[in-house]
PDB file of N, CA and C in Angstrom:
ATOM      1  N   MET A   1      60.863 108.819 119.121  1.00  0.00           N
ATOM      2  CA  MET A   1      61.120 109.529 118.080  1.00  0.00           C
ATOM      3  C   MET A   1      62.237 109.449 117.300  1.00  0.00           C
ATOM      4  N   ILE A   2      62.582 109.769 116.232  1.00  0.00           N
ATOM      5  CA  ILE A   2      63.851 109.158 115.488  1.00  0.00           C
ATOM      6  C   ILE A   2      64.058 110.412 114.460  1.00  0.00           C
ATOM      7  N   ILE A   3      65.498 111.088 114.823  1.00  0.00           N
ATOM      8  CA  ILE A   3      66.079 112.245 113.967  1.00  0.00           C
ATOM      9  C   ILE A   3      66.985 111.746 113.031  1.00  0.00           C
ATOM     10  N   LYS A   4      66.976 112.166 112.071  1.00  0.00           N
ATOM     11  CA  LYS A   4      67.843 112.018 111.179  1.00  0.00           C
ATOM     12  C   LYS A   4      68.143 113.199 110.285  1.00  0.00           C
ATOM     13  N   THR A   5      69.451 112.884 109.368  1.00  0.00           N
ATOM     14  CA  THR A   5      70.147 113.983 108.634  1.00  0.00           C
ATOM     15  C   THR A   5      69.994 113.460 107.183  1.00  0.00           C
ATOM     16  N   ILE A   6      69.509 114.117 106.191  1.00  0.00           N
ATOM     17  CA  ILE A   6      69.293 113.510 105.107  1.00  0.00           C
ATOM     18  C   ILE A   6      70.742 112.603 104.298  1.00  0.00           C
ATOM     19  N   SER A   7      71.814 113.387 104.445  1.00  0.00           N
ATOM     20  CA  SER A   7      73.102 113.109 103.871  1.00  0.00           C
ATOM     21  C   SER A   7      73.514 111.678 104.338  1.00  0.00           C
ATOM     22  N   ASP A   8      72.644 111.319 105.965  1.00  0.00           N
ATOM     23  CA  ASP A   8      73.410 110.179 106.566  1.00  0.00           C
ATOM     24  C   ASP A   8      72.551 109.047 105.714  1.00  0.00           C
ATOM     25  N   VAL A   9      71.299 109.332 104.777  1.00  0.00           N
ATOM     26  CA  VAL A   9      70.767 108.152 104.603  1.00  0.00           C
ATOM     27  C   VAL A   9      71.019 107.294 102.907  1.00  0.00           C
ATOM     28  N   ALA A  10      71.477 106.274 103.135  1.00  0.00           N
ATOM     29  CA  ALA A  10      71.830 105.703 101.606  1.00  0.00           C
ATOM     30  C   ALA A  10      70.976 106.156 100.918  1.00  0.00           C
ATOM     31  N   ALA A  11      71.657 106.505  99.575  1.00  0.00           N
ATOM     32  CA  ALA A  11      71.012 107.084  98.064  1.00  0.00           C
ATOM     33  C   ALA A  11      71.308 105.677  97.384  1.00  0.00           C
ATOM     34  N   SER A  12      69.563 105.256  96.986  1.00  0.00           N
ATOM     35  CA  SER A  12      69.521 104.018  95.735  1.00  0.00           C
ATOM     36  C   SER A  12      68.772 104.993  94.555  1.00  0.00           C
ATOM     37  N   PRO A  13      69.262 104.388  93.435  1.00  0.00           N
ATOM     38  CA  PRO A  13      69.243 104.686  91.504  1.00  0.00           C
ATOM     39  C   PRO A  13      67.764 104.176  91.314  1.00  0.00           C
ATOM     40  N   VAL A  14      66.882 105.147  91.060  1.00  0.00           N
ATOM     41  CA  VAL A  14      65.493 104.555  90.759  1.00  0.00           C
ATOM     42  C   VAL A  14      65.434 103.554  89.805  1.00  0.00           C
ATOM     43  N   GLN A  15      64.999 102.977  89.857  1.00  0.00           N
ATOM     44  CA  GLN A  15      65.051 101.756  88.952  1.00  0.00           C
ATOM     45  C   GLN A  15      63.648 101.853  87.721  1.00  0.00           C
ATOM     46  N   MET A  16      63.079 102.597  88.023  1.00  0.00           N
ATOM     47  CA  MET A  16      61.880 102.653  87.079  1.00  0.00           C
ATOM     48  C   MET A  16      62.152 103.116  85.871  1.00  0.00           C
ATOM     49  N   GLU A  17      61.463 102.546  85.170  1.00  0.00           N
ATOM     50  CA  GLU A  17      61.593 102.630  83.565  1.00  0.00           C
ATOM     51  C   GLU A  17      61.150 104.375  83.180  1.00  0.00           C
ATOM     52  N   GLY A  18      61.958 104.905  82.271  1.00  0.00           N
ATOM     53  CA  GLY A  18      61.734 105.919  82.360  1.00  0.00           C
ATOM     54  C   GLY A  18      62.504 106.824  83.034  1.00  0.00           C
ATOM     55  N   ALA A  19      62.987 106.208  84.004  1.00  0.00           N
ATOM     56  CA  ALA A  19      63.778 107.290  84.742  1.00  0.00           C
ATOM     57  C   ALA A  19      65.441 107.397  84.236  1.00  0.00           C
ATOM     58  N   LYS A  20      65.765 108.891  84.517  1.00  0.00           N
ATOM     59  CA  LYS A  20      67.411 109.013  84.357  1.00  0.00           C
ATOM     60  C   LYS A  20      68.035 109.631  85.329  1.00  0.00           C
ATOM     61  N   ASN A  21      69.543 109.448  85.570  1.00  0.00           N
ATOM     62  CA  ASN A  21      70.047 109.878  86.474  1.00  0.00           C
ATOM     63  C   ASN A  21      69.675 110.535  87.774  1.00  0.00           C
ATOM     64  N   VAL A  22      68.036 109.534  88.373  1.00  0.00           N
ATOM     65  CA  VAL A  22      67.830 109.836  89.567  1.00  0.00           C
ATOM     66  C   VAL A  22      68.027 108.815  90.788  1.00  0.00           C
ATOM     67  N   SER A  23      68.589 109.962  91.649  1.00  0.00           N
ATOM     68  CA  SER A  23      68.497 108.088  93.129  1.00  0.00           C
ATOM     69  C   SER A  23      67.456 108.882  93.832  1.00  0.00           C
ATOM     70  N   VAL A  24      67.509 107.964  94.913  1.00  0.00           N
ATOM     71  CA  VAL A  24      66.027 108.219  96.486  1.00  0.00           C
ATOM     72  C   VAL A  24      66.403 107.824  97.520  1.00  0.00           C
ATOM     73  N   ARG A  25      66.527 108.456  98.522  1.00  0.00           N
ATOM     74  CA  ARG A  25      66.814 108.411  99.802  1.00  0.00           C
ATOM     75  C   ARG A  25      65.442 108.498 100.799  1.00  0.00           C
ATOM     76  N   VAL A  26      65.233 106.695 100.991  1.00  0.00           N
ATOM     77  CA  VAL A  26      63.860 106.847 101.672  1.00  0.00           C
ATOM     78  C   VAL A  26      64.185 107.441 103.231  1.00  0.00           C
ATOM     79  N   VAL A  27      64.000 108.551 103.792  1.00  0.00           N
ATOM     80  CA  VAL A  27      64.478 109.205 104.942  1.00  0.00           C
ATOM     81  C   VAL A  27      63.564 108.486 106.300  1.00  0.00           C
ATOM     82  N   PHE A  28      62.102 108.248 106.343  1.00  0.00           N
ATOM     83  CA  PHE A  28      61.518 107.331 107.115  1.00  0.00           C
ATOM     84  C   PHE A  28      60.445 106.866 105.978  1.00  0.00           C
ATOM     85  N   GLY A  29      60.303 105.853 106.696  1.00  0.00           N
ATOM     86  CA  GLY A  29      59.434 104.524 105.833  1.00  0.00           C
ATOM     87  C   GLY A  29      59.142 103.211 106.235  1.00  0.00           C
ATOM     88  N   PRO A  30      58.928 102.238 105.978  1.00  0.00           N
ATOM     89  CA  PRO A  30      58.381 101.086 106.407  1.00  0.00           C
ATOM     90  C   PRO A  30      59.695 100.688 107.539  1.00  0.00           C
ATOM     91  N   ALA A  31      61.189 100.986 107.133  1.00  0.00           N
ATOM     92  CA  ALA A  31      61.953  99.957 108.064  1.00  0.00           C
ATOM     93  C   ALA A  31      62.015 101.240 109.436  1.00  0.00           C
ATOM     94  N   ASP A  32      61.605 102.200 109.215  1.00  0.00           N
ATOM     95  CA  ASP A  32      61.377 103.275 110.946  1.00  0.00           C
ATOM     96  C   ASP A  32      59.958 102.763 111.754  1.00  0.00           C
ATOM     97  N   LYS A  33      59.242 101.830 110.537  1.00  0.00           N
ATOM     98  CA  LYS A  33      57.514 101.763 111.267  1.00  0.00           C
ATOM     99  C   LYS A  33      56.873 102.714 111.111  1.00  0.00           C
ATOM    100  N   ALA A  34      57.140 104.189 110.195  1.00  0.00           N
ATOM    101  CA  ALA A  34      56.265 104.969 109.970  1.00  0.00           C
ATOM    102  C   ALA A  34      55.041 104.353 109.920  1.00  0.00           C
ATOM    103  N   PRO A  35      53.776 104.742 110.882  1.00  0.00           N
ATOM    104  CA  PRO A  35      52.554 104.103 110.284  1.00  0.00           C
ATOM    105  C   PRO A  35      51.674 104.500 109.006  1.00  0.00           C
ATOM    106  N   THR A  36      51.766 106.157 108.643  1.00  0.00           N
ATOM    107  CA  THR A  36      51.061 106.857 108.063  1.00  0.00           C
ATOM    108  C   THR A  36      51.900 107.061 106.532  1.00  0.00           C
ATOM    109  N   PHE A  37      52.984 107.817 106.887  1.00  0.00           N
ATOM    110  CA  PHE A  37      53.440 108.545 105.642  1.00  0.00           C
ATOM    111  C   PHE A  37      55.119 107.953 105.318  1.00  0.00           C
ATOM    112  N   ALA A  38      55.707 107.940 104.187  1.00  0.00           N
ATOM    113  CA  ALA A  38      57.013 107.802 104.029  1.00  0.00           C
ATOM    114  C   ALA A  38      57.404 109.127 103.478  1.00  0.00           C
ATOM    115  N   MET A  39      58.754 109.293 104.077  1.00  0.00           N
ATOM    116  CA  MET A  39      59.211 110.859 103.645  1.00  0.00           C
ATOM    117  C   MET A  39      60.643 110.334 102.536  1.00  0.00           C
ATOM    118  N   ARG A  40      60.758 110.654 101.688  1.00  0.00           N
ATOM    119  CA  ARG A  40      61.631 110.912 100.398  1.00  0.00           C
ATOM    120  C   ARG A  40      62.648 112.107  99.640  1.00  0.00           C
ATOM    121  N   VAL A  41      63.477 111.434  99.748  1.00  0.00           N
ATOM    122  CA  VAL A  41      64.100 113.195  98.902  1.00  0.00           C
ATOM    123  C   VAL A  41      64.639 112.076  98.144  1.00  0.00           C
ATOM    124  N   PHE A  42      64.365 112.910  96.361  1.00  0.00           N
ATOM    125  CA  PHE A  42      65.581 112.291  95.157  1.00  0.00           C
ATOM    126  C   PHE A  42      66.015 113.242  94.763  1.00  0.00           C
ATOM    127  N   GLU A  43      67.602 113.102  94.481  1.00  0.00           N
ATOM    128  CA  GLU A  43      68.124 113.845  94.001  1.00  0.00           C
ATOM    129  C   GLU A  43      68.212 113.682  92.340  1.00  0.00           C
ATOM    130  N   LEU A  44      68.637 114.551  91.982  1.00  0.00           N
ATOM    131  CA  LEU A  44      68.320 114.395  89.942  1.00  0.00           C
ATOM    132  C   LEU A  44      69.392 114.886  89.688  1.00  0.00           C
ATOM    133  N   ASP A  45      70.407 114.262  88.994  1.00  0.00           N
ATOM    134  CA  ASP A  45      71.750 114.664  88.273  1.00  0.00           C
ATOM    135  C   ASP A  45      71.208 115.616  87.342  1.00  0.00           C
ATOM    136  N   ALA A  46      72.184 116.443  86.575  1.00  0.00           N
ATOM    137  CA  ALA A  46      72.012 117.532  85.650  1.00  0.00           C
ATOM    138  C   ALA A  46      71.240 116.679  84.541  1.00  0.00           C
ATOM    139  N   GLY A  47      70.382 117.148  84.026  1.00  0.00           N
ATOM    140  CA  GLY A  47      69.482 116.575  83.182  1.00  0.00           C
ATOM    141  C   GLY A  47      68.805 115.581  83.278  1.00  0.00           C
ATOM    142  N   GLY A  48      68.891 114.821  84.654  1.00  0.00           N
ATOM    143  CA  GLY A  48      67.950 113.742  84.844  1.00  0.00           C
ATOM    144  C   GLY A  48      66.336 113.910  85.021  1.00  0.00           C
ATOM    145  N   HIS A  49      66.025 112.955  85.606  1.00  0.00           N
ATOM    146  CA  HIS A  49      64.169 112.888  85.794  1.00  0.00           C
ATOM    147  C   HIS A  49      63.570 111.868  85.686  1.00  0.00           C
ATOM    148  N   THR A  50      62.413 111.852  86.745  1.00  0.00           N
ATOM    149  CA  THR A  50      61.997 110.490  86.818  1.00  0.00           C
ATOM    150  C   THR A  50      60.766 110.136  85.919  1.00  0.00           C
ATOM    151  N   PRO A  51      60.726 109.183  85.846  1.00  0.00           N
ATOM    152  CA  PRO A  51      59.704 108.941  84.690  1.00  0.00           C
ATOM    153  C   PRO A  51      58.574 109.575  84.674  1.00  0.00           C
ATOM    154  N   PHE A  52      57.919 109.720  82.995  1.00  0.00           N
ATOM    155  CA  PHE A  52      56.387 110.436  83.187  1.00  0.00           C
ATOM    156  C   PHE A  52      55.540 109.172  83.240  1.00  0.00           C
ATOM    157  N   HIS A  53      54.369 109.469  84.848  1.00  0.00           N
ATOM    158  CA  HIS A  53      53.693 108.133  85.065  1.00  0.00           C
ATOM    159  C   HIS A  53      52.936 108.778  86.281  1.00  0.00           C
ATOM    160  N   THR A  54      51.868 107.508  86.385  1.00  0.00           N
ATOM    161  CA  THR A  54      50.616 108.225  87.314  1.00  0.00           C
ATOM    162  C   THR A  54      50.855 107.014  88.127  1.00  0.00           C
ATOM    163  N   HIS A  55      50.048 106.964  89.234  1.00  0.00           N
ATOM    164  CA  HIS A  55      50.064 106.295  90.500  1.00  0.00           C
ATOM    165  C   HIS A  55      48.251 106.468  91.474  1.00  0.00           C
ATOM    166  N   ALA A  56      48.133 105.595  92.095  1.00  0.00           N
ATOM    167  CA  ALA A  56      46.745 105.808  92.521  1.00  0.00           C
ATOM    168  C   ALA A  56      46.683 106.713  93.721  1.00  0.00           C
ATOM    169  N   PHE A  57      47.773 107.251  93.954  1.00  0.00           N
ATOM    170  CA  PHE A  57      47.603 107.881  95.581  1.00  0.00           C
ATOM    171  C   PHE A  57      48.139 109.734  95.040  1.00  0.00           C
ATOM    172  N   GLU A  58      47.973 110.348  95.812  1.00  0.00           N
ATOM    173  CA  GLU A  58      48.707 111.253  95.976  1.00  0.00           C
ATOM    174  C   GLU A  58      49.674 111.810  96.287  1.00  0.00           C
ATOM    175  N   HIS A  59      50.888 112.506  96.180  1.00  0.00           N
ATOM    176  CA  HIS A  59      52.121 112.786  97.032  1.00  0.00           C
ATOM    177  C   HIS A  59      52.128 114.652  97.126  1.00  0.00           C
ATOM    178  N   GLU A  60      52.654 114.792  98.134  1.00  0.00           N
ATOM    179  CA  GLU A  60      53.401 116.270  98.287  1.00  0.00           C
ATOM    180  C   GLU A  60      54.689 116.242  97.856  1.00  0.00           C
ATOM    181  N   VAL A  61      55.319 117.436  97.612  1.00  0.00           N
ATOM    182  CA  VAL A  61      56.479 117.562  96.974  1.00  0.00           C
ATOM    183  C   VAL A  61      56.560 118.954  97.287  1.00  0.00           C
ATOM    184  N   MET A  62      58.131 118.874  97.823  1.00  0.00           N
ATOM    185  CA  MET A  62      59.013 119.934  97.968  1.00  0.00           C
ATOM    186  C   MET A  62      60.202 120.038  97.283  1.00  0.00           C
ATOM    187  N   ILE A  63      60.227 121.275  96.754  1.00  0.00           N
ATOM    188  CA  ILE A  63      61.728 121.135  96.148  1.00  0.00           C
ATOM    189  C   ILE A  63      62.700 121.900  97.115  1.00  0.00           C
ATOM    190  N   LEU A  64      63.979 121.224  97.226  1.00  0.00           N
ATOM    191  CA  LEU A  64      64.827 121.526  98.225  1.00  0.00           C
ATOM    192  C   LEU A  64      65.594 122.317  97.474  1.00  0.00           C
ATOM    193  N   SER A  65      66.540 121.816  96.241  1.00  0.00           N
ATOM    194  CA  SER A  65      67.474 122.352  95.478  1.00  0.00           C
ATOM    195  C   SER A  65      67.188 122.405  94.051  1.00  0.00           C
ATOM    196  N   GLY A  66      68.090 123.768  93.258  1.00  0.00           N
ATOM    197  CA  GLY A  66      67.867 122.975  92.116  1.00  0.00           C
ATOM    198  C   GLY A  66      66.814 124.247  91.479  1.00  0.00           C
ATOM    199  N   GLU A  67      66.392 124.050  90.351  1.00  0.00           N
ATOM    200  CA  GLU A  67      65.564 124.213  89.643  1.00  0.00           C
ATOM    201  C   GLU A  67      64.655 123.264  88.832  1.00  0.00           C
ATOM    202  N   ILE A  68      63.774 122.607  89.239  1.00  0.00           N
ATOM    203  CA  ILE A  68      62.908 121.089  88.666  1.00  0.00           C
ATOM    204  C   ILE A  68      61.517 121.992  87.982  1.00  0.00           C
ATOM    205  N   ALA A  69      61.420 121.275  86.964  1.00  0.00           N
ATOM    206  CA  ALA A  69      60.193 121.200  86.285  1.00  0.00           C
ATOM    207  C   ALA A  69      59.494 120.455  86.659  1.00  0.00           C
ATOM    208  N   ALA A  70      58.183 120.542  86.682  1.00  0.00           N
ATOM    209  CA  ALA A  70      56.661 119.235  87.449  1.00  0.00           C
ATOM    210  C   ALA A  70      56.130 119.378  85.796  1.00  0.00           C
ATOM    211  N   VAL A  71      56.224 118.100  85.024  1.00  0.00           N
ATOM    212  CA  VAL A  71      56.132 117.736  83.870  1.00  0.00           C
ATOM    213  C   VAL A  71      54.739 117.447  84.054  1.00  0.00           C
ATOM    214  N   THR A  72      53.223 117.974  83.399  1.00  0.00           N
ATOM    215  CA  THR A  72      52.079 117.767  83.187  1.00  0.00           C
ATOM    216  C   THR A  72      51.904 117.370  81.953  1.00  0.00           C
ATOM    217  N   GLU A  73      50.504 117.096  81.866  1.00  0.00           N
ATOM    218  CA  GLU A  73      50.346 116.722  80.212  1.00  0.00           C
ATOM    219  C   GLU A  73      49.814 117.953  79.577  1.00  0.00           C
ATOM    220  N   GLN A  74      49.767 118.894  80.685  1.00  0.00           N
ATOM    221  CA  GLN A  74      49.531 120.236  79.794  1.00  0.00           C
ATOM    222  C   GLN A  74      50.880 121.032  79.646  1.00  0.00           C
ATOM    223  N   GLY A  75      52.118 120.296  79.948  1.00  0.00           N
ATOM    224  CA  GLY A  75      53.160 121.300  79.737  1.00  0.00           C
ATOM    225  C   GLY A  75      53.910 121.216  80.842  1.00  0.00           C
ATOM    226  N   PRO A  76      55.465 121.482  81.180  1.00  0.00           N
ATOM    227  CA  PRO A  76      56.351 122.123  82.090  1.00  0.00           C
ATOM    228  C   PRO A  76      56.266 123.243  82.585  1.00  0.00           C
ATOM    229  N   ILE A  77      56.024 123.166  84.184  1.00  0.00           N
ATOM    230  CA  ILE A  77      55.513 124.266  85.374  1.00  0.00           C
ATOM    231  C   ILE A  77      56.861 124.157  86.158  1.00  0.00           C
ATOM    232  N   PRO A  78      57.341 125.192  85.770  1.00  0.00           N
ATOM    233  CA  PRO A  78      59.333 125.310  86.377  1.00  0.00           C
ATOM    234  C   PRO A  78      58.842 125.551  87.625  1.00  0.00           C
ATOM    235  N   LEU A  79      59.717 125.113  88.474  1.00  0.00           N
ATOM    236  CA  LEU A  79      59.791 125.676  90.048  1.00  0.00           C
ATOM    237  C   LEU A  79      61.286 125.706  90.656  1.00  0.00           C
ATOM    238  N   LYS A  80      61.312 126.465  92.054  1.00  0.00           N
ATOM    239  CA  LYS A  80      62.443 126.566  92.592  1.00  0.00           C
ATOM    240  C   LYS A  80      62.574 125.904  94.068  1.00  0.00           C
ATOM    241  N   ALA A  81      63.617 126.289  94.330  1.00  0.00           N
ATOM    242  CA  ALA A  81      63.728 126.143  96.052  1.00  0.00           C
ATOM    243  C   ALA A  81      62.320 126.483  96.753  1.00  0.00           C
ATOM    244  N   GLY A  82      61.622 126.030  97.951  1.00  0.00           N
ATOM    245  CA  GLY A  82      60.963 126.562  98.253  1.00  0.00           C
ATOM    246  C   GLY A  82      59.327 126.257  98.358  1.00  0.00           C
ATOM    247  N   GLN A  83      58.967 126.211  96.908  1.00  0.00           N
ATOM    248  CA  GLN A  83      57.761 125.863  96.218  1.00  0.00           C
ATOM    249  C   GLN A  83      57.503 124.214  96.737  1.00  0.00           C
ATOM    250  N   CYS A  84      56.453 124.301  96.358  1.00  0.00           N
ATOM    251  CA  CYS A  84      55.743 123.109  96.954  1.00  0.00           C
ATOM    252  C   CYS A  84      54.508 122.431  95.863  1.00  0.00           C
ATOM    253  N   ILE A  85      54.087 121.235  95.790  1.00  0.00           N
ATOM    254  CA  ILE A  85      53.214 121.155  94.706  1.00  0.00           C
ATOM    255  C   ILE A  85      52.363 120.037  95.361  1.00  0.00           C
ATOM    256  N   LEU A  86      51.424 119.820  94.975  1.00  0.00           N
ATOM    257  CA  LEU A  86      50.471 118.554  95.407  1.00  0.00           C
ATOM    258  C   LEU A  86      49.682 117.769  94.041  1.00  0.00           C
ATOM    259  N   VAL A  87      50.518 116.518  94.221  1.00  0.00           N
ATOM    260  CA  VAL A  87      50.294 115.762  93.130  1.00  0.00           C
ATOM    261  C   VAL A  87      49.002 115.265  93.277  1.00  0.00           C
ATOM    262  N   GLN A  88      47.833 114.988  92.595  1.00  0.00           N
ATOM    263  CA  GLN A  88      46.395 114.616  93.014  1.00  0.00           C
ATOM    264  C   GLN A  88      46.535 112.832  92.518  1.00  0.00           C
ATOM    265  N   PRO A  89      45.892 111.962  92.872  1.00  0.00           N
ATOM    266  CA  PRO A  89      45.598 110.761  92.541  1.00  0.00           C
ATOM    267  C   PRO A  89      45.965 110.877  90.717  1.00  0.00           C
ATOM    268  N   ASP A  90      46.413 109.831  89.844  1.00  0.00           N
ATOM    269  CA  ASP A  90      46.096 109.464  88.956  1.00  0.00           C
ATOM    270  C   ASP A  90      46.333 110.329  88.021  1.00  0.00           C
ATOM    271  N   GLU A  91      47.450 111.684  88.634  1.00  0.00           N
ATOM    272  CA  GLU A  91      47.632 112.692  87.461  1.00  0.00           C
ATOM    273  C   GLU A  91      48.943 112.592  87.365  1.00  0.00           C
ATOM    274  N   LYS A  92      49.189 112.395  85.627  1.00  0.00           N
ATOM    275  CA  LYS A  92      50.032 112.302  85.245  1.00  0.00           C
ATOM    276  C   LYS A  92      51.289 113.876  85.398  1.00  0.00           C
ATOM    277  N   HIS A  93      52.597 112.752  85.721  1.00  0.00           N
ATOM    278  CA  HIS A  93      54.011 113.914  86.160  1.00  0.00           C
ATOM    279  C   HIS A  93      54.796 112.951  85.697  1.00  0.00           C
ATOM    280  N   GLN A  94      56.011 114.287  86.056  1.00  0.00           N
ATOM    281  CA  GLN A  94      57.317 113.852  85.746  1.00  0.00           C
ATOM    282  C   GLN A  94      58.243 115.067  86.959  1.00  0.00           C
ATOM    283  N   PHE A  95      59.026 114.753  87.032  1.00  0.00           N
ATOM    284  CA  PHE A  95      60.464 115.871  87.189  1.00  0.00           C
ATOM    285  C   PHE A  95      61.361 115.787  86.779  1.00  0.00           C
ATOM    286  N   LYS A  96      61.461 117.024  86.336  1.00  0.00           N
ATOM    287  CA  LYS A  96      63.314 117.284  85.832  1.00  0.00           C
ATOM    288  C   LYS A  96      64.192 117.740  86.093  1.00  0.00           C
ATOM    289  N   ASN A  97      65.453 117.674  86.489  1.00  0.00           N
ATOM    290  CA  ASN A  97      66.239 118.795  86.597  1.00  0.00           C
ATOM    291  C   ASN A  97      66.601 119.500  85.479  1.00  0.00           C
ATOM    292  N   LEU A  98      66.367 121.111  85.811  1.00  0.00           N
ATOM    293  CA  LEU A  98      66.726 121.953  84.203  1.00  0.00           C
ATOM    294  C   LEU A  98      67.790 122.479  84.115  1.00  0.00           C
ATOM    295  N   SER A  99      68.663 122.086  85.057  1.00  0.00           N
ATOM    296  CA  SER A  99      69.874 122.482  84.917  1.00  0.00           C
ATOM    297  C   SER A  99      70.436 121.391  83.980  1.00  0.00           C
ATOM    298  N   ALA A 100      71.766 122.051  82.764  1.00  0.00           N
ATOM    299  CA  ALA A 100      72.306 120.438  82.474  1.00  0.00           C
ATOM    300  C   ALA A 100      73.802 120.340  83.128  1.00  0.00           C
ATOM    301  N   SER A 101      73.988 121.120  84.285  1.00  0.00           N
ATOM    302  CA  SER A 101      75.520 121.594  84.799  1.00  0.00           C
ATOM    303  C   SER A 101      75.510 121.037  86.475  1.00  0.00           C
ATOM    304  N   ASN A 102      74.528 120.978  87.075  1.00  0.00           N
ATOM    305  CA  ASN A 102      73.807 121.552  88.320  1.00  0.00           C
ATOM    306  C   ASN A 102      72.814 120.323  88.998  1.00  0.00           C
ATOM    307  N   LYS A 103      72.776 119.779  90.150  1.00  0.00           N
ATOM    308  CA  LYS A 103      71.806 118.818  91.086  1.00  0.00           C
ATOM    309  C   LYS A 103      71.132 119.296  90.755  1.00  0.00           C
ATOM    310  N   ALA A 104      69.665 119.089  91.558  1.00  0.00           N
ATOM    311  CA  ALA A 104      68.685 119.282  92.358  1.00  0.00           C
ATOM    312  C   ALA A 104      68.090 118.128  92.779  1.00  0.00           C
ATOM    313  N   SER A 105      67.151 118.729  93.667  1.00  0.00           N
ATOM    314  CA  SER A 105      66.469 117.361  94.878  1.00  0.00           C
ATOM    315  C   SER A 105      65.187 117.965  95.271  1.00  0.00           C
ATOM    316  N   PHE A 106      64.483 117.008  95.461  1.00  0.00           N
ATOM    317  CA  PHE A 106      63.153 117.092  96.285  1.00  0.00           C
ATOM    318  C   PHE A 106      62.529 116.267  97.231  1.00  0.00           C
ATOM    319  N   MET A 107      62.082 116.381  98.042  1.00  0.00           N
ATOM    320  CA  MET A 107      61.182 115.688  99.234  1.00  0.00           C
ATOM    321  C   MET A 107      60.048 115.511  98.568  1.00  0.00           C
ATOM    322  N   CYS A 108      59.715 114.441  98.830  1.00  0.00           N
ATOM    323  CA  CYS A 108      58.404 113.784  98.451  1.00  0.00           C
ATOM    324  C   CYS A 108      57.561 112.828  99.690  1.00  0.00           C
ATOM    325  N   LEU A 109      56.194 112.847  99.842  1.00  0.00           N
ATOM    326  CA  LEU A 109      55.708 112.208 101.170  1.00  0.00           C
ATOM    327  C   LEU A 109      54.554 111.420 100.197  1.00  0.00           C
ATOM    328  N   VAL A 110      54.313 109.976 100.593  1.00  0.00           N
ATOM    329  CA  VAL A 110      53.590 109.438 100.040  1.00  0.00           C
ATOM    330  C   VAL A 110      52.810 108.905 101.086  1.00  0.00           C
ATOM    331  N   PRO A 111      51.889 108.267 101.132  1.00  0.00           N
ATOM    332  CA  PRO A 111      51.634 106.967 101.969  1.00  0.00           C
ATOM    333  C   PRO A 111      51.907 105.803 102.158  1.00  0.00           C
ATOM    334  N   ILE A 112      52.153 105.875 103.457  1.00  0.00           N
ATOM    335  CA  ILE A 112      53.444 103.951 103.252  1.00  0.00           C
ATOM    336  C   ILE A 112      52.781 102.964 102.820  1.00  0.00           C
ATOM    337  N   ALA A 113      51.391 103.033 102.585  1.00  0.00           N
ATOM    338  CA  ALA A 113      50.769 101.805 101.958  1.00  0.00           C
ATOM    339  C   ALA A 113      51.661 101.683 100.619  1.00  0.00           C
ATOM    340  N   TYR A 114      52.238 102.810 100.133  1.00  0.00           N
ATOM    341  CA  TYR A 114      52.178 102.537  98.403  1.00  0.00           C
ATOM    342  C   TYR A 114      54.041 102.905  98.543  1.00  0.00           C
ATOM    343  N   GLN A 115      54.600 102.865  99.516  1.00  0.00           N
ATOM    344  CA  GLN A 115      56.093 103.054  99.787  1.00  0.00           C
ATOM    345  C   GLN A 115      57.097 101.610  99.764  1.00  0.00           C
ATOM    346  N   LYS A 116      57.701 101.647  98.402  1.00  0.00           N
ATOM    347  CA  LYS A 116      58.210 100.590  97.821  1.00  0.00           C
ATOM    348  C   LYS A 116      59.616 100.357  98.109  1.00  0.00           C
TER     349      LYS A 116
END
């Protein structure tokens, strides 16, 4: 069994095209020999966002802090701490911090085969 505190895991800037002021902490992943899932925590600075993108796998997201919009092709869906969202494979999406002054964060679980 491995036990960690999120703040003890180093944050790395997200380098994907279209990302702005967002970092990720891989809480559990390949380095931990996790066999099935990777757990990641994304932190969005004020006004930050992930790219508007798709991928071939599902992922589950839980909002940890702040107010975040899940942006879809149909428009933004406002979310707050404690809410969860399932992003289906090939569903275009983006996570955007709605605050101009506060950070926001969310946890994201993906299949380990897709964790980079």
